[in-house]
């Protein structure tokens, strides 16, 4: 399985971005988005199962929405009301485990930079 992430960019505070992650190969049960800001550990942002069970970090609840298209083997992250503290490199991850196990597990895509200016 390989993951290709896209959709990052520069946006002003309060703006929106939509990240996409397309998987090639077998469909995996859990998929999610992690992010890593400079000097900080990688953290889970949002995750979703093939049955649409979701999980969100408290810091993004009500602002971010994760979704999945199993037919396209793709996952999306709609990010609204973005804040400067959302600035990070965002990585997509896929794992046949739930909850997602994190940095040493599953398959990882290359990161996409999200920068939110104040």
Protein backbone atom coordinates (compact mmCIF):
# COMPACT_ATOMS: atom_id res chain seq x y z
CA UNK A 1 0.00 0.00 0.00
CA UNK A 2 1.21 3.51 -0.83
CA UNK A 3 -0.36 6.76 0.28
CA UNK A 4 -0.32 10.05 -1.59
CA UNK A 5 -1.33 13.16 0.33
CA UNK A 6 -2.16 16.52 -1.16
CA UNK A 7 -4.00 19.75 -0.47
CA UNK A 8 -1.76 21.63 1.90
CA UNK A 9 -0.95 25.29 1.51
CA UNK A 10 -0.89 28.73 3.04
CA UNK A 11 -4.12 30.18 4.38
CA UNK A 12 -5.09 33.04 6.65
CA UNK A 13 -6.46 32.47 10.13
CA UNK A 14 -10.14 31.57 9.89
CA UNK A 15 -9.74 30.08 6.44
CA UNK A 16 -10.26 26.55 5.15
CA UNK A 17 -8.28 23.83 3.45
CA UNK A 18 -9.11 20.31 2.32
CA UNK A 19 -6.51 17.58 2.47
CA UNK A 20 -6.75 14.42 0.39
CA UNK A 21 -5.01 11.07 0.78
CA UNK A 22 -5.30 8.45 -1.93
CA UNK A 23 -4.19 4.89 -1.25
CA UNK A 24 -2.97 2.45 -3.86
CA UNK A 25 -3.24 -1.23 -3.09
CA UNK A 26 -5.31 -2.98 -0.46
CA UNK A 27 -7.88 -1.09 1.54
CA UNK A 28 -6.92 -0.82 5.17
CA UNK A 29 -9.33 -0.70 8.09
CA UNK A 30 -8.14 2.49 9.76
CA UNK A 31 -6.94 5.68 8.13
CA UNK A 32 -6.03 8.95 9.72
CA UNK A 33 -4.24 12.25 9.69
CA UNK A 34 -1.38 13.10 12.00
CA UNK A 35 0.48 16.36 12.19
CA UNK A 36 3.88 17.48 13.39
CA UNK A 37 4.84 21.04 14.16
CA UNK A 38 8.49 22.10 14.50
CA UNK A 39 9.93 20.92 17.79
CA UNK A 40 6.83 18.91 18.68
CA UNK A 41 5.87 15.27 18.58
CA UNK A 42 3.65 13.90 15.87
CA UNK A 43 0.05 13.87 17.06
CA UNK A 44 -3.18 12.34 15.85
CA UNK A 45 -5.56 14.86 14.33
CA UNK A 46 -8.42 12.67 13.12
CA UNK A 47 -9.00 9.07 12.14
CA UNK A 48 -11.71 7.01 10.48
CA UNK A 49 -12.46 3.34 9.95
CA UNK A 50 -13.77 1.68 6.82
CA UNK A 51 -17.15 1.66 8.61
CA UNK A 52 -16.99 5.44 9.20
CA UNK A 53 -16.27 5.37 12.91
CA UNK A 54 -14.34 8.56 13.62
CA UNK A 55 -12.02 9.95 16.25
CA UNK A 56 -10.79 13.53 16.66
CA UNK A 57 -8.25 15.35 18.74
CA UNK A 58 -9.98 17.71 21.16
CA UNK A 59 -8.18 20.66 19.60
CA UNK A 60 -9.90 20.17 16.23
CA UNK A 61 -13.37 18.99 17.22
CA UNK A 62 -16.04 21.12 15.62
CA UNK A 63 -13.59 22.57 13.09
CA UNK A 64 -12.23 19.57 11.17
CA UNK A 65 -14.19 16.81 9.48
CA UNK A 66 -12.67 13.55 8.31
CA UNK A 67 -14.33 11.47 5.61
CA UNK A 68 -13.57 8.48 3.51
CA UNK A 69 -14.52 7.14 0.09
CA UNK A 70 -13.93 3.41 0.19
CA UNK A 71 -14.68 3.02 -3.52
CA UNK A 72 -11.83 5.40 -4.34
CA UNK A 73 -9.65 4.19 -1.47
CA UNK A 74 -9.33 7.80 -0.41
CA UNK A 75 -9.60 9.87 2.73
CA UNK A 76 -10.21 13.58 3.18
CA UNK A 77 -9.81 16.16 5.91
CA UNK A 78 -11.91 19.29 5.67
CA UNK A 79 -10.31 21.92 7.88
CA UNK A 80 -12.35 25.01 8.73
CA UNK A 81 -11.74 27.93 11.07
CA UNK A 82 -8.02 27.32 10.85
CA UNK A 83 -5.78 28.78 13.52
CA UNK A 84 -2.05 29.55 13.50
CA UNK A 85 -1.55 26.67 15.93
CA UNK A 86 -2.79 24.29 13.22
CA UNK A 87 0.40 25.00 11.30
CA UNK A 88 2.27 21.74 10.81
CA UNK A 89 3.20 19.07 8.35
CA UNK A 90 0.21 16.78 7.97
CA UNK A 91 0.73 13.07 7.30
CA UNK A 92 -1.77 10.44 6.29
CA UNK A 93 -1.55 6.99 7.81
CA UNK A 94 -3.28 3.69 7.14
CA UNK A 95 -3.31 0.69 9.44
CA UNK A 96 -5.24 -2.54 9.81
CA UNK A 97 -5.58 -1.72 13.49
CA UNK A 98 -8.01 0.49 15.41
CA UNK A 99 -7.38 2.80 17.09
CA UNK A 100 -4.44 3.79 14.91
CA UNK A 101 -1.19 2.85 16.58
CA UNK A 102 0.94 5.80 15.54
CA UNK A 103 4.32 6.58 14.19
CA UNK A 104 5.92 3.14 14.01
CA UNK A 105 2.93 1.33 12.59
CA UNK A 106 1.02 1.02 9.37
CA UNK A 107 1.77 2.86 6.16
CA UNK A 108 2.67 6.54 5.95
CA UNK A 109 2.41 9.02 3.14
CA UNK A 110 4.70 11.96 2.57
CA UNK A 111 3.64 14.98 4.52
CA UNK A 112 1.90 18.05 3.19
CA UNK A 113 2.60 21.44 4.73
CA UNK A 114 -0.25 23.47 6.19
CA UNK A 115 0.61 27.02 7.20
CA UNK A 116 -1.91 29.32 8.83
CA UNK A 117 -0.96 32.97 9.06
CA UNK A 118 -2.35 35.23 11.75
